[in-house]
Amino acid sequence: MTGPLIEVRTTVATEADAQRIADALVTRRLAACVQVEAVRSTYVWQGALQHDSEWRLLAKTLAARWPELEAAIRELHPYALPAIWATPVVLAGADYAAWVEAGCSR
């Protein structure tokens, strides 16, 4: 394996934006898989409490792909300040990790 696995998350307002970004990340081989799910978000933006329906993207990738993946999300994301963050995968099955690596290879 070329390096550790990470999960990268972001949220967008519409299912169409979520699918467009997911398709681009997988097509560009920046992520082996991107899961899309509906969520409710509560946050303060410009001094006001917000309650919004959003779509969370969870990209499964390699830590080595982070710089390109983050840049792609920023390029494609409709928000002025998108949340883009990664968490390490501490343990993963060897076969699955190999599949992620293959899906992210250039």
PDB file of N, CA and C in Angstrom:
ATOM      1  N   MET A   1       0.843  -1.185   0.000  1.00  0.00           N
ATOM      2  CA  MET A   1       0.000   0.000   0.000  1.00  0.00           C
ATOM      3  C   MET A   1       0.884   1.242   0.000  1.00  0.00           C
ATOM      4  N   THR A   2       0.448   2.299  -0.708  1.00  0.00           N
ATOM      5  CA  THR A   2       1.254   3.508  -0.834  1.00  0.00           C
ATOM      6  C   THR A   2       1.134   4.458   0.343  1.00  0.00           C
ATOM      7  N   GLY A   3       0.187   4.248   1.217  1.00  0.00           N
ATOM      8  CA  GLY A   3       0.070   5.139   2.360  1.00  0.00           C
ATOM      9  C   GLY A   3      -1.230   4.931   3.088  1.00  0.00           C
ATOM     10  N   PRO A   4      -1.400   5.676   4.175  1.00  0.00           N
ATOM     11  CA  PRO A   4      -2.597   5.495   5.001  1.00  0.00           C
ATOM     12  C   PRO A   4      -3.868   5.965   4.296  1.00  0.00           C
ATOM     13  N   LEU A   5      -4.964   5.352   4.703  1.00  0.00           N
ATOM     14  CA  LEU A   5      -6.275   5.744   4.208  1.00  0.00           C
ATOM     15  C   LEU A   5      -6.812   6.900   5.047  1.00  0.00           C
ATOM     16  N   ILE A   6      -7.612   7.759   4.412  1.00  0.00           N
ATOM     17  CA  ILE A   6      -8.329   8.819   5.108  1.00  0.00           C
ATOM     18  C   ILE A   6      -9.759   8.864   4.584  1.00  0.00           C
ATOM     19  N   GLU A   7     -10.629   9.466   5.397  1.00  0.00           N
ATOM     20  CA  GLU A   7     -11.981   9.799   4.973  1.00  0.00           C
ATOM     21  C   GLU A   7     -12.055  11.318   4.920  1.00  0.00           C
ATOM     22  N   VAL A   8     -12.578  11.853   3.831  1.00  0.00           N
ATOM     23  CA  VAL A   8     -12.693  13.298   3.663  1.00  0.00           C
ATOM     24  C   VAL A   8     -14.172  13.650   3.600  1.00  0.00           C
ATOM     25  N   ARG A   9     -14.574  14.650   4.381  1.00  0.00           N
ATOM     26  CA  ARG A   9     -15.978  15.051   4.452  1.00  0.00           C
ATOM     27  C   ARG A   9     -16.166  16.494   4.016  1.00  0.00           C
ATOM     28  N   THR A  10     -17.316  16.729   3.438  1.00  0.00           N
ATOM     29  CA  THR A  10     -17.796  18.076   3.150  1.00  0.00           C
ATOM     30  C   THR A  10     -19.308  18.001   3.063  1.00  0.00           C
ATOM     31  N   THR A  11     -19.958  19.154   3.069  1.00  0.00           N
ATOM     32  CA  THR A  11     -21.408  19.209   2.895  1.00  0.00           C
ATOM     33  C   THR A  11     -21.762  20.262   1.853  1.00  0.00           C
ATOM     34  N   VAL A  12     -22.879  20.036   1.176  1.00  0.00           N
ATOM     35  CA  VAL A  12     -23.411  20.978   0.188  1.00  0.00           C
ATOM     36  C   VAL A  12     -24.922  21.080   0.385  1.00  0.00           C
ATOM     37  N   ALA A  13     -25.530  22.085  -0.237  1.00  0.00           N
ATOM     38  CA  ALA A  13     -26.951  22.349  -0.025  1.00  0.00           C
ATOM     39  C   ALA A  13     -27.876  21.450  -0.838  1.00  0.00           C
ATOM     40  N   THR A  14     -27.419  20.961  -1.979  1.00  0.00           N
ATOM     41  CA  THR A  14     -28.335  20.212  -2.845  1.00  0.00           C
ATOM     42  C   THR A  14     -27.783  18.832  -3.179  1.00  0.00           C
ATOM     43  N   GLU A  15     -28.701  17.920  -3.431  1.00  0.00           N
ATOM     44  CA  GLU A  15     -28.309  16.576  -3.849  1.00  0.00           C
ATOM     45  C   GLU A  15     -27.580  16.619  -5.191  1.00  0.00           C
ATOM     46  N   ALA A  16     -28.007  17.501  -6.079  1.00  0.00           N
ATOM     47  CA  ALA A  16     -27.358  17.617  -7.390  1.00  0.00           C
ATOM     48  C   ALA A  16     -25.893  18.033  -7.243  1.00  0.00           C
ATOM     49  N   ASP A  17     -25.610  19.009  -6.369  1.00  0.00           N
ATOM     50  CA  ASP A  17     -24.215  19.415  -6.131  1.00  0.00           C
ATOM     51  C   ASP A  17     -23.423  18.273  -5.521  1.00  0.00           C
ATOM     52  N   ALA A  18     -24.031  17.554  -4.583  1.00  0.00           N
ATOM     53  CA  ALA A  18     -23.343  16.426  -3.952  1.00  0.00           C
ATOM     54  C   ALA A  18     -22.976  15.377  -4.991  1.00  0.00           C
ATOM     55  N   GLN A  19     -23.903  15.042  -5.860  1.00  0.00           N
ATOM     56  CA  GLN A  19     -23.630  14.010  -6.864  1.00  0.00           C
ATOM     57  C   GLN A  19     -22.599  14.478  -7.883  1.00  0.00           C
ATOM     58  N   ARG A  20     -22.664  15.754  -8.260  1.00  0.00           N
ATOM     59  CA  ARG A  20     -21.695  16.319  -9.213  1.00  0.00           C
ATOM     60  C   ARG A  20     -20.280  16.241  -8.645  1.00  0.00           C
ATOM     61  N   ILE A  21     -20.117  16.605  -7.374  1.00  0.00           N
ATOM     62  CA  ILE A  21     -18.797  16.555  -6.740  1.00  0.00           C
ATOM     63  C   ILE A  21     -18.350  15.106  -6.565  1.00  0.00           C
ATOM     64  N   ALA A  22     -19.246  14.238  -6.112  1.00  0.00           N
ATOM     65  CA  ALA A  22     -18.897  12.817  -5.943  1.00  0.00           C
ATOM     66  C   ALA A  22     -18.439  12.214  -7.263  1.00  0.00           C
ATOM     67  N   ASP A  23     -19.178  12.468  -8.329  1.00  0.00           N
ATOM     68  CA  ASP A  23     -18.803  11.939  -9.645  1.00  0.00           C
ATOM     69  C   ASP A  23     -17.427  12.432 -10.075  1.00  0.00           C
ATOM     70  N   ALA A  24     -17.166  13.712  -9.858  1.00  0.00           N
ATOM     71  CA  ALA A  24     -15.871  14.281 -10.261  1.00  0.00           C
ATOM     72  C   ALA A  24     -14.724  13.669  -9.467  1.00  0.00           C
ATOM     73  N   LEU A  25     -14.895  13.488  -8.172  1.00  0.00           N
ATOM     74  CA  LEU A  25     -13.814  12.932  -7.351  1.00  0.00           C
ATOM     75  C   LEU A  25     -13.489  11.498  -7.744  1.00  0.00           C
ATOM     76  N   VAL A  26     -14.516  10.705  -8.024  1.00  0.00           N
ATOM     77  CA  VAL A  26     -14.282   9.312  -8.414  1.00  0.00           C
ATOM     78  C   VAL A  26     -13.740   9.243  -9.840  1.00  0.00           C
ATOM     79  N   THR A  27     -14.306  10.028 -10.745  1.00  0.00           N
ATOM     80  CA  THR A  27     -13.844  10.034 -12.142  1.00  0.00           C
ATOM     81  C   THR A  27     -12.384  10.464 -12.247  1.00  0.00           C
ATOM     82  N   ARG A  28     -11.995  11.443 -11.441  1.00  0.00           N
ATOM     83  CA  ARG A  28     -10.606  11.924 -11.439  1.00  0.00           C
ATOM     84  C   ARG A  28      -9.684  11.008 -10.640  1.00  0.00           C
ATOM     85  N   ARG A  29     -10.221   9.958 -10.064  1.00  0.00           N
ATOM     86  CA  ARG A  29      -9.481   8.979  -9.267  1.00  0.00           C
ATOM     87  C   ARG A  29      -8.852   9.607  -8.018  1.00  0.00           C
ATOM     88  N   LEU A  30      -9.522  10.615  -7.501  1.00  0.00           N
ATOM     89  CA  LEU A  30      -9.092  11.232  -6.245  1.00  0.00           C
ATOM     90  C   LEU A  30      -9.684  10.507  -5.050  1.00  0.00           C
ATOM     91  N   ALA A  31     -10.753   9.764  -5.280  1.00  0.00           N
ATOM     92  CA  ALA A  31     -11.392   8.949  -4.247  1.00  0.00           C
ATOM     93  C   ALA A  31     -11.857   7.647  -4.899  1.00  0.00           C
ATOM     94  N   ALA A  32     -11.774   6.577  -4.138  1.00  0.00           N
ATOM     95  CA  ALA A  32     -12.253   5.289  -4.649  1.00  0.00           C
ATOM     96  C   ALA A  32     -13.771   5.212  -4.566  1.00  0.00           C
ATOM     97  N   CYS A  33     -14.340   5.897  -3.593  1.00  0.00           N
ATOM     98  CA  CYS A  33     -15.777   5.860  -3.338  1.00  0.00           C
ATOM     99  C   CYS A  33     -16.166   7.144  -2.624  1.00  0.00           C
ATOM    100  N   VAL A  34     -17.343   7.658  -2.940  1.00  0.00           N
ATOM    101  CA  VAL A  34     -17.895   8.797  -2.207  1.00  0.00           C
ATOM    102  C   VAL A  34     -19.332   8.452  -1.840  1.00  0.00           C
ATOM    103  N   GLN A  35     -19.602   8.447  -0.555  1.00  0.00           N
ATOM    104  CA  GLN A  35     -20.964   8.216  -0.085  1.00  0.00           C
ATOM    105  C   GLN A  35     -21.655   9.561   0.085  1.00  0.00           C
ATOM    106  N   VAL A  36     -22.928   9.604  -0.263  1.00  0.00           N
ATOM    107  CA  VAL A  36     -23.725  10.826  -0.174  1.00  0.00           C
ATOM    108  C   VAL A  36     -24.937  10.526   0.699  1.00  0.00           C
ATOM    109  N   GLU A  37     -25.151  11.378   1.705  1.00  0.00           N
ATOM    110  CA  GLU A  37     -26.305  11.172   2.582  1.00  0.00           C
ATOM    111  C   GLU A  37     -26.893  12.507   3.016  1.00  0.00           C
ATOM    112  N   ALA A  38     -28.206  12.512   3.244  1.00  0.00           N
ATOM    113  CA  ALA A  38     -28.907  13.703   3.716  1.00  0.00           C
ATOM    114  C   ALA A  38     -28.635  13.902   5.205  1.00  0.00           C
ATOM    115  N   VAL A  39     -28.416  15.161   5.603  1.00  0.00           N
ATOM    116  CA  VAL A  39     -28.193  15.513   7.009  1.00  0.00           C
ATOM    117  C   VAL A  39     -28.893  16.831   7.314  1.00  0.00           C
ATOM    118  N   ARG A  40     -29.065  17.107   8.599  1.00  0.00           N
ATOM    119  CA  ARG A  40     -29.553  18.406   9.073  1.00  0.00           C
ATOM    120  C   ARG A  40     -28.395  19.090   9.787  1.00  0.00           C
ATOM    121  N   SER A  41     -28.173  20.349   9.468  1.00  0.00           N
ATOM    122  CA  SER A  41     -27.075  21.101  10.081  1.00  0.00           C
ATOM    123  C   SER A  41     -27.615  22.294  10.853  1.00  0.00           C
ATOM    124  N   THR A  42     -27.029  22.525  12.022  1.00  0.00           N
ATOM    125  CA  THR A  42     -27.334  23.692  12.846  1.00  0.00           C
ATOM    126  C   THR A  42     -26.019  24.423  13.077  1.00  0.00           C
ATOM    127  N   TYR A  43     -25.989  25.713  12.757  1.00  0.00           N
ATOM    128  CA  TYR A  43     -24.751  26.475  12.852  1.00  0.00           C
ATOM    129  C   TYR A  43     -25.069  27.963  12.869  1.00  0.00           C
ATOM    130  N   VAL A  44     -24.076  28.771  13.213  1.00  0.00           N
ATOM    131  CA  VAL A  44     -24.212  30.222  13.146  1.00  0.00           C
ATOM    132  C   VAL A  44     -23.465  30.703  11.915  1.00  0.00           C
ATOM    133  N   TRP A  45     -24.140  31.492  11.089  1.00  0.00           N
ATOM    134  CA  TRP A  45     -23.514  32.083   9.897  1.00  0.00           C
ATOM    135  C   TRP A  45     -23.913  33.543   9.854  1.00  0.00           C
ATOM    136  N   GLN A  46     -22.921  34.412   9.775  1.00  0.00           N
ATOM    137  CA  GLN A  46     -23.114  35.855   9.742  1.00  0.00           C
ATOM    138  C   GLN A  46     -24.017  36.320  10.889  1.00  0.00           C
ATOM    139  N   GLY A  47     -23.760  35.754  12.084  1.00  0.00           N
ATOM    140  CA  GLY A  47     -24.427  36.176  13.296  1.00  0.00           C
ATOM    141  C   GLY A  47     -25.819  35.611  13.534  1.00  0.00           C
ATOM    142  N   ALA A  48     -26.306  34.756  12.640  1.00  0.00           N
ATOM    143  CA  ALA A  48     -27.659  34.217  12.790  1.00  0.00           C
ATOM    144  C   ALA A  48     -27.622  32.696  12.871  1.00  0.00           C
ATOM    145  N   LEU A  49     -28.455  32.160  13.746  1.00  0.00           N
ATOM    146  CA  LEU A  49     -28.580  30.708  13.877  1.00  0.00           C
ATOM    147  C   LEU A  49     -29.281  30.147  12.642  1.00  0.00           C
ATOM    148  N   GLN A  50     -28.680  29.131  12.056  1.00  0.00           N
ATOM    149  CA  GLN A  50     -29.203  28.516  10.833  1.00  0.00           C
ATOM    150  C   GLN A  50     -29.578  27.069  11.088  1.00  0.00           C
ATOM    151  N   HIS A  51     -30.637  26.603  10.431  1.00  0.00           N
ATOM    152  CA  HIS A  51     -31.039  25.199  10.426  1.00  0.00           C
ATOM    153  C   HIS A  51     -31.275  24.839   8.962  1.00  0.00           C
ATOM    154  N   ASP A  52     -30.415  23.987   8.416  1.00  0.00           N
ATOM    155  CA  ASP A  52     -30.507  23.671   6.990  1.00  0.00           C
ATOM    156  C   ASP A  52     -30.440  22.179   6.733  1.00  0.00           C
ATOM    157  N   SER A  53     -31.108  21.776   5.684  1.00  0.00           N
ATOM    158  CA  SER A  53     -30.919  20.440   5.144  1.00  0.00           C
ATOM    159  C   SER A  53     -29.706  20.513   4.228  1.00  0.00           C
ATOM    160  N   GLU A  54     -28.817  19.555   4.372  1.00  0.00           N
ATOM    161  CA  GLU A  54     -27.621  19.512   3.530  1.00  0.00           C
ATOM    162  C   GLU A  54     -27.375  18.068   3.111  1.00  0.00           C
ATOM    163  N   TRP A  55     -26.388  17.919   2.257  1.00  0.00           N
ATOM    164  CA  TRP A  55     -25.945  16.601   1.795  1.00  0.00           C
ATOM    165  C   TRP A  55     -24.491  16.441   2.149  1.00  0.00           C
ATOM    166  N   ARG A  56     -24.174  15.382   2.913  1.00  0.00           N
ATOM    167  CA  ARG A  56     -22.803  15.109   3.341  1.00  0.00           C
ATOM    168  C   ARG A  56     -22.154  14.164   2.335  1.00  0.00           C
ATOM    169  N   LEU A  57     -20.938  14.493   1.960  1.00  0.00           N
ATOM    170  CA  LEU A  57     -20.117  13.616   1.130  1.00  0.00           C
ATOM    171  C   LEU A  57     -19.012  13.041   1.989  1.00  0.00           C
ATOM    172  N   LEU A  58     -18.801  11.744   1.895  1.00  0.00           N
ATOM    173  CA  LEU A  58     -17.730  11.048   2.606  1.00  0.00           C
ATOM    174  C   LEU A  58     -16.893  10.331   1.556  1.00  0.00           C
ATOM    175  N   ALA A  59     -15.710  10.871   1.305  1.00  0.00           N
ATOM    176  CA  ALA A  59     -14.820  10.320   0.279  1.00  0.00           C
ATOM    177  C   ALA A  59     -13.787   9.410   0.931  1.00  0.00           C
ATOM    178  N   LYS A  60     -13.618   8.239   0.357  1.00  0.00           N
ATOM    179  CA  LYS A  60     -12.632   7.272   0.845  1.00  0.00           C
ATOM    180  C   LYS A  60     -11.434   7.328  -0.089  1.00  0.00           C
ATOM    181  N   THR A  61     -10.279   7.671   0.499  1.00  0.00           N
ATOM    182  CA  THR A  61      -9.113   7.945  -0.330  1.00  0.00           C
ATOM    183  C   THR A  61      -7.826   7.666   0.429  1.00  0.00           C
ATOM    184  N   LEU A  62      -6.715   8.008  -0.180  1.00  0.00           N
ATOM    185  CA  LEU A  62      -5.384   7.885   0.414  1.00  0.00           C
ATOM    186  C   LEU A  62      -4.920   9.250   0.912  1.00  0.00           C
ATOM    187  N   ALA A  63      -4.201   9.266   1.999  1.00  0.00           N
ATOM    188  CA  ALA A  63      -3.672  10.526   2.534  1.00  0.00           C
ATOM    189  C   ALA A  63      -2.844  11.261   1.479  1.00  0.00           C
ATOM    190  N   ALA A  64      -2.148  10.526   0.642  1.00  0.00           N
ATOM    191  CA  ALA A  64      -1.322  11.138  -0.397  1.00  0.00           C
ATOM    192  C   ALA A  64      -2.145  11.914  -1.426  1.00  0.00           C
ATOM    193  N   ARG A  65      -3.422  11.621  -1.556  1.00  0.00           N
ATOM    194  CA  ARG A  65      -4.294  12.291  -2.525  1.00  0.00           C
ATOM    195  C   ARG A  65      -4.953  13.547  -1.943  1.00  0.00           C
ATOM    196  N   TRP A  66      -4.754  13.794  -0.625  1.00  0.00           N
ATOM    197  CA  TRP A  66      -5.395  14.922   0.040  1.00  0.00           C
ATOM    198  C   TRP A  66      -5.209  16.255  -0.680  1.00  0.00           C
ATOM    199  N   PRO A  67      -3.987  16.669  -1.051  1.00  0.00           N
ATOM    200  CA  PRO A  67      -3.845  17.999  -1.662  1.00  0.00           C
ATOM    201  C   PRO A  67      -4.688  18.164  -2.928  1.00  0.00           C
ATOM    202  N   GLU A  68      -4.675  17.169  -3.792  1.00  0.00           N
ATOM    203  CA  GLU A  68      -5.453  17.260  -5.033  1.00  0.00           C
ATOM    204  C   GLU A  68      -6.948  17.156  -4.771  1.00  0.00           C
ATOM    205  N   LEU A  69      -7.330  16.301  -3.835  1.00  0.00           N
ATOM    206  CA  LEU A  69      -8.738  16.131  -3.519  1.00  0.00           C
ATOM    207  C   LEU A  69      -9.306  17.417  -2.907  1.00  0.00           C
ATOM    208  N   GLU A  70      -8.583  17.994  -1.964  1.00  0.00           N
ATOM    209  CA  GLU A  70      -9.037  19.248  -1.362  1.00  0.00           C
ATOM    210  C   GLU A  70      -9.167  20.339  -2.420  1.00  0.00           C
ATOM    211  N   ALA A  71      -8.196  20.449  -3.305  1.00  0.00           N
ATOM    212  CA  ALA A  71      -8.245  21.459  -4.365  1.00  0.00           C
ATOM    213  C   ALA A  71      -9.450  21.231  -5.281  1.00  0.00           C
ATOM    214  N   ALA A  72      -9.734  19.990  -5.610  1.00  0.00           N
ATOM    215  CA  ALA A  72     -10.881  19.684  -6.469  1.00  0.00           C
ATOM    216  C   ALA A  72     -12.196  20.055  -5.786  1.00  0.00           C
ATOM    217  N   ILE A  73     -12.315  19.735  -4.498  1.00  0.00           N
ATOM    218  CA  ILE A  73     -13.540  20.098  -3.784  1.00  0.00           C
ATOM    219  C   ILE A  73     -13.699  21.617  -3.772  1.00  0.00           C
ATOM    220  N   ARG A  74     -12.623  22.347  -3.493  1.00  0.00           N
ATOM    221  CA  ARG A  74     -12.704  23.816  -3.493  1.00  0.00           C
ATOM    222  C   ARG A  74     -13.121  24.343  -4.868  1.00  0.00           C
ATOM    223  N   GLU A  75     -12.589  23.755  -5.906  1.00  0.00           N
ATOM    224  CA  GLU A  75     -12.916  24.160  -7.280  1.00  0.00           C
ATOM    225  C   GLU A  75     -14.406  23.944  -7.582  1.00  0.00           C
ATOM    226  N   LEU A  76     -14.949  22.847  -7.113  1.00  0.00           N
ATOM    227  CA  LEU A  76     -16.316  22.446  -7.463  1.00  0.00           C
ATOM    228  C   LEU A  76     -17.382  22.895  -6.470  1.00  0.00           C
ATOM    229  N   HIS A  77     -16.973  23.311  -5.280  1.00  0.00           N
ATOM    230  CA  HIS A  77     -17.908  23.580  -4.189  1.00  0.00           C
ATOM    231  C   HIS A  77     -18.617  24.922  -4.357  1.00  0.00           C
ATOM    232  N   PRO A  78     -19.927  24.972  -4.131  1.00  0.00           N
ATOM    233  CA  PRO A  78     -20.658  26.231  -4.287  1.00  0.00           C
ATOM    234  C   PRO A  78     -20.578  27.167  -3.079  1.00  0.00           C
ATOM    235  N   TYR A  79     -20.129  26.693  -1.907  1.00  0.00           N
ATOM    236  CA  TYR A  79     -20.104  27.533  -0.706  1.00  0.00           C
ATOM    237  C   TYR A  79     -18.910  28.478  -0.705  1.00  0.00           C
ATOM    238  N   ALA A  80     -19.100  29.647  -0.085  1.00  0.00           N
ATOM    239  CA  ALA A  80     -18.000  30.599   0.092  1.00  0.00           C
ATOM    240  C   ALA A  80     -16.957  30.051   1.062  1.00  0.00           C
ATOM    241  N   LEU A  81     -17.406  29.301   2.068  1.00  0.00           N
ATOM    242  CA  LEU A  81     -16.507  28.733   3.076  1.00  0.00           C
ATOM    243  C   LEU A  81     -16.879  27.265   3.293  1.00  0.00           C
ATOM    244  N   PRO A  82     -16.442  26.391   2.387  1.00  0.00           N
ATOM    245  CA  PRO A  82     -16.798  24.980   2.553  1.00  0.00           C
ATOM    246  C   PRO A  82     -16.013  24.323   3.687  1.00  0.00           C
ATOM    247  N   ALA A  83     -16.696  23.473   4.429  1.00  0.00           N
ATOM    248  CA  ALA A  83     -16.016  22.633   5.416  1.00  0.00           C
ATOM    249  C   ALA A  83     -15.427  21.450   4.665  1.00  0.00           C
ATOM    250  N   ILE A  84     -14.139  21.314   4.709  1.00  0.00           N
ATOM    251  CA  ILE A  84     -13.455  20.182   4.077  1.00  0.00           C
ATOM    252  C   ILE A  84     -12.465  19.669   5.106  1.00  0.00           C
ATOM    253  N   TRP A  85     -12.684  18.457   5.592  1.00  0.00           N
ATOM    254  CA  TRP A  85     -11.773  17.936   6.607  1.00  0.00           C
ATOM    255  C   TRP A  85     -11.613  16.442   6.463  1.00  0.00           C
ATOM    256  N   ALA A  86     -10.479  15.980   6.952  1.00  0.00           N
ATOM    257  CA  ALA A  86     -10.125  14.564   6.809  1.00  0.00           C
ATOM    258  C   ALA A  86      -9.860  13.946   8.170  1.00  0.00           C
ATOM    259  N   THR A  87     -10.176  12.672   8.261  1.00  0.00           N
ATOM    260  CA  THR A  87      -9.841  11.893   9.449  1.00  0.00           C
ATOM    261  C   THR A  87      -9.099  10.644   9.005  1.00  0.00           C
ATOM    262  N   PRO A  88      -8.119  10.232   9.783  1.00  0.00           N
ATOM    263  CA  PRO A  88      -7.386   9.018   9.421  1.00  0.00           C
ATOM    264  C   PRO A  88      -8.243   7.778   9.664  1.00  0.00           C
ATOM    265  N   VAL A  89      -8.028   6.795   8.835  1.00  0.00           N
ATOM    266  CA  VAL A  89      -8.626   5.479   9.054  1.00  0.00           C
ATOM    267  C   VAL A  89      -7.595   4.688   9.847  1.00  0.00           C
ATOM    268  N   VAL A  90      -7.920   4.360  11.062  1.00  0.00           N
ATOM    269  CA  VAL A  90      -6.965   3.709  11.950  1.00  0.00           C
ATOM    270  C   VAL A  90      -6.754   2.250  11.547  1.00  0.00           C
ATOM    271  N   LEU A  91      -7.831   1.567  11.263  1.00  0.00           N
ATOM    272  CA  LEU A  91      -7.753   0.167  10.849  1.00  0.00           C
ATOM    273  C   LEU A  91      -8.685  -0.063   9.669  1.00  0.00           C
ATOM    274  N   ALA A  92      -8.256  -0.901   8.744  1.00  0.00           N
ATOM    275  CA  ALA A  92      -9.095  -1.276   7.602  1.00  0.00           C
ATOM    276  C   ALA A  92      -8.665  -2.657   7.140  1.00  0.00           C
ATOM    277  N   GLY A  93      -9.613  -3.404   6.630  1.00  0.00           N
ATOM    278  CA  GLY A  93      -9.281  -4.708   6.071  1.00  0.00           C
ATOM    279  C   GLY A  93      -8.301  -4.554   4.917  1.00  0.00           C
ATOM    280  N   ALA A  94      -7.352  -5.456   4.825  1.00  0.00           N
ATOM    281  CA  ALA A  94      -6.308  -5.366   3.799  1.00  0.00           C
ATOM    282  C   ALA A  94      -6.890  -5.373   2.390  1.00  0.00           C
ATOM    283  N   ASP A  95      -7.874  -6.200   2.138  1.00  0.00           N
ATOM    284  CA  ASP A  95      -8.475  -6.266   0.809  1.00  0.00           C
ATOM    285  C   ASP A  95      -9.171  -4.958   0.453  1.00  0.00           C
ATOM    286  N   TYR A  96      -9.901  -4.390   1.428  1.00  0.00           N
ATOM    287  CA  TYR A  96     -10.592  -3.127   1.182  1.00  0.00           C
ATOM    288  C   TYR A  96      -9.583  -1.997   0.971  1.00  0.00           C
ATOM    289  N   ALA A  97      -8.553  -1.950   1.800  1.00  0.00           N
ATOM    290  CA  ALA A  97      -7.520  -0.916   1.654  1.00  0.00           C
ATOM    291  C   ALA A  97      -6.863  -1.000   0.276  1.00  0.00           C
ATOM    292  N   ALA A  98      -6.630  -2.209  -0.201  1.00  0.00           N
ATOM    293  CA  ALA A  98      -6.039  -2.388  -1.539  1.00  0.00           C
ATOM    294  C   ALA A  98      -6.995  -1.876  -2.612  1.00  0.00           C
ATOM    295  N   TRP A  99      -8.299  -2.098  -2.413  1.00  0.00           N
ATOM    296  CA  TRP A  99      -9.290  -1.620  -3.371  1.00  0.00           C
ATOM    297  C   TRP A  99      -9.306  -0.088  -3.416  1.00  0.00           C
ATOM    298  N   VAL A 100      -9.238   0.549  -2.238  1.00  0.00           N
ATOM    299  CA  VAL A 100      -9.186   2.017  -2.196  1.00  0.00           C
ATOM    300  C   VAL A 100      -7.936   2.505  -2.905  1.00  0.00           C
ATOM    301  N   GLU A 101      -6.822   1.881  -2.621  1.00  0.00           N
ATOM    302  CA  GLU A 101      -5.568   2.276  -3.274  1.00  0.00           C
ATOM    303  C   GLU A 101      -5.672   2.151  -4.785  1.00  0.00           C
ATOM    304  N   ALA A 102      -6.220   1.051  -5.270  1.00  0.00           N
ATOM    305  CA  ALA A 102      -6.379   0.857  -6.716  1.00  0.00           C
ATOM    306  C   ALA A 102      -7.308   1.915  -7.312  1.00  0.00           C
ATOM    307  N   GLY A 103      -8.361   2.266  -6.581  1.00  0.00           N
ATOM    308  CA  GLY A 103      -9.309   3.252  -7.070  1.00  0.00           C
ATOM    309  C   GLY A 103      -8.764   4.663  -7.106  1.00  0.00           C
ATOM    310  N   CYS A 104      -7.692   4.903  -6.364  1.00  0.00           N
ATOM    311  CA  CYS A 104      -7.089   6.238  -6.303  1.00  0.00           C
ATOM    312  C   CYS A 104      -5.776   6.334  -7.070  1.00  0.00           C
ATOM    313  N   SER A 105      -5.401   5.251  -7.727  1.00  0.00           N
ATOM    314  CA  SER A 105      -4.116   5.274  -8.445  1.00  0.00           C
ATOM    315  C   SER A 105      -4.273   6.041  -9.747  1.00  0.00           C
ATOM    316  N   ARG A 106      -3.226   6.697 -10.114  1.00  0.00           N
ATOM    317  CA  ARG A 106      -3.240   7.567 -11.305  1.00  0.00           C
ATOM    318  C   ARG A 106      -3.085   6.806 -12.567  1.00  0.00           C
TER     319      ARG A 106
END
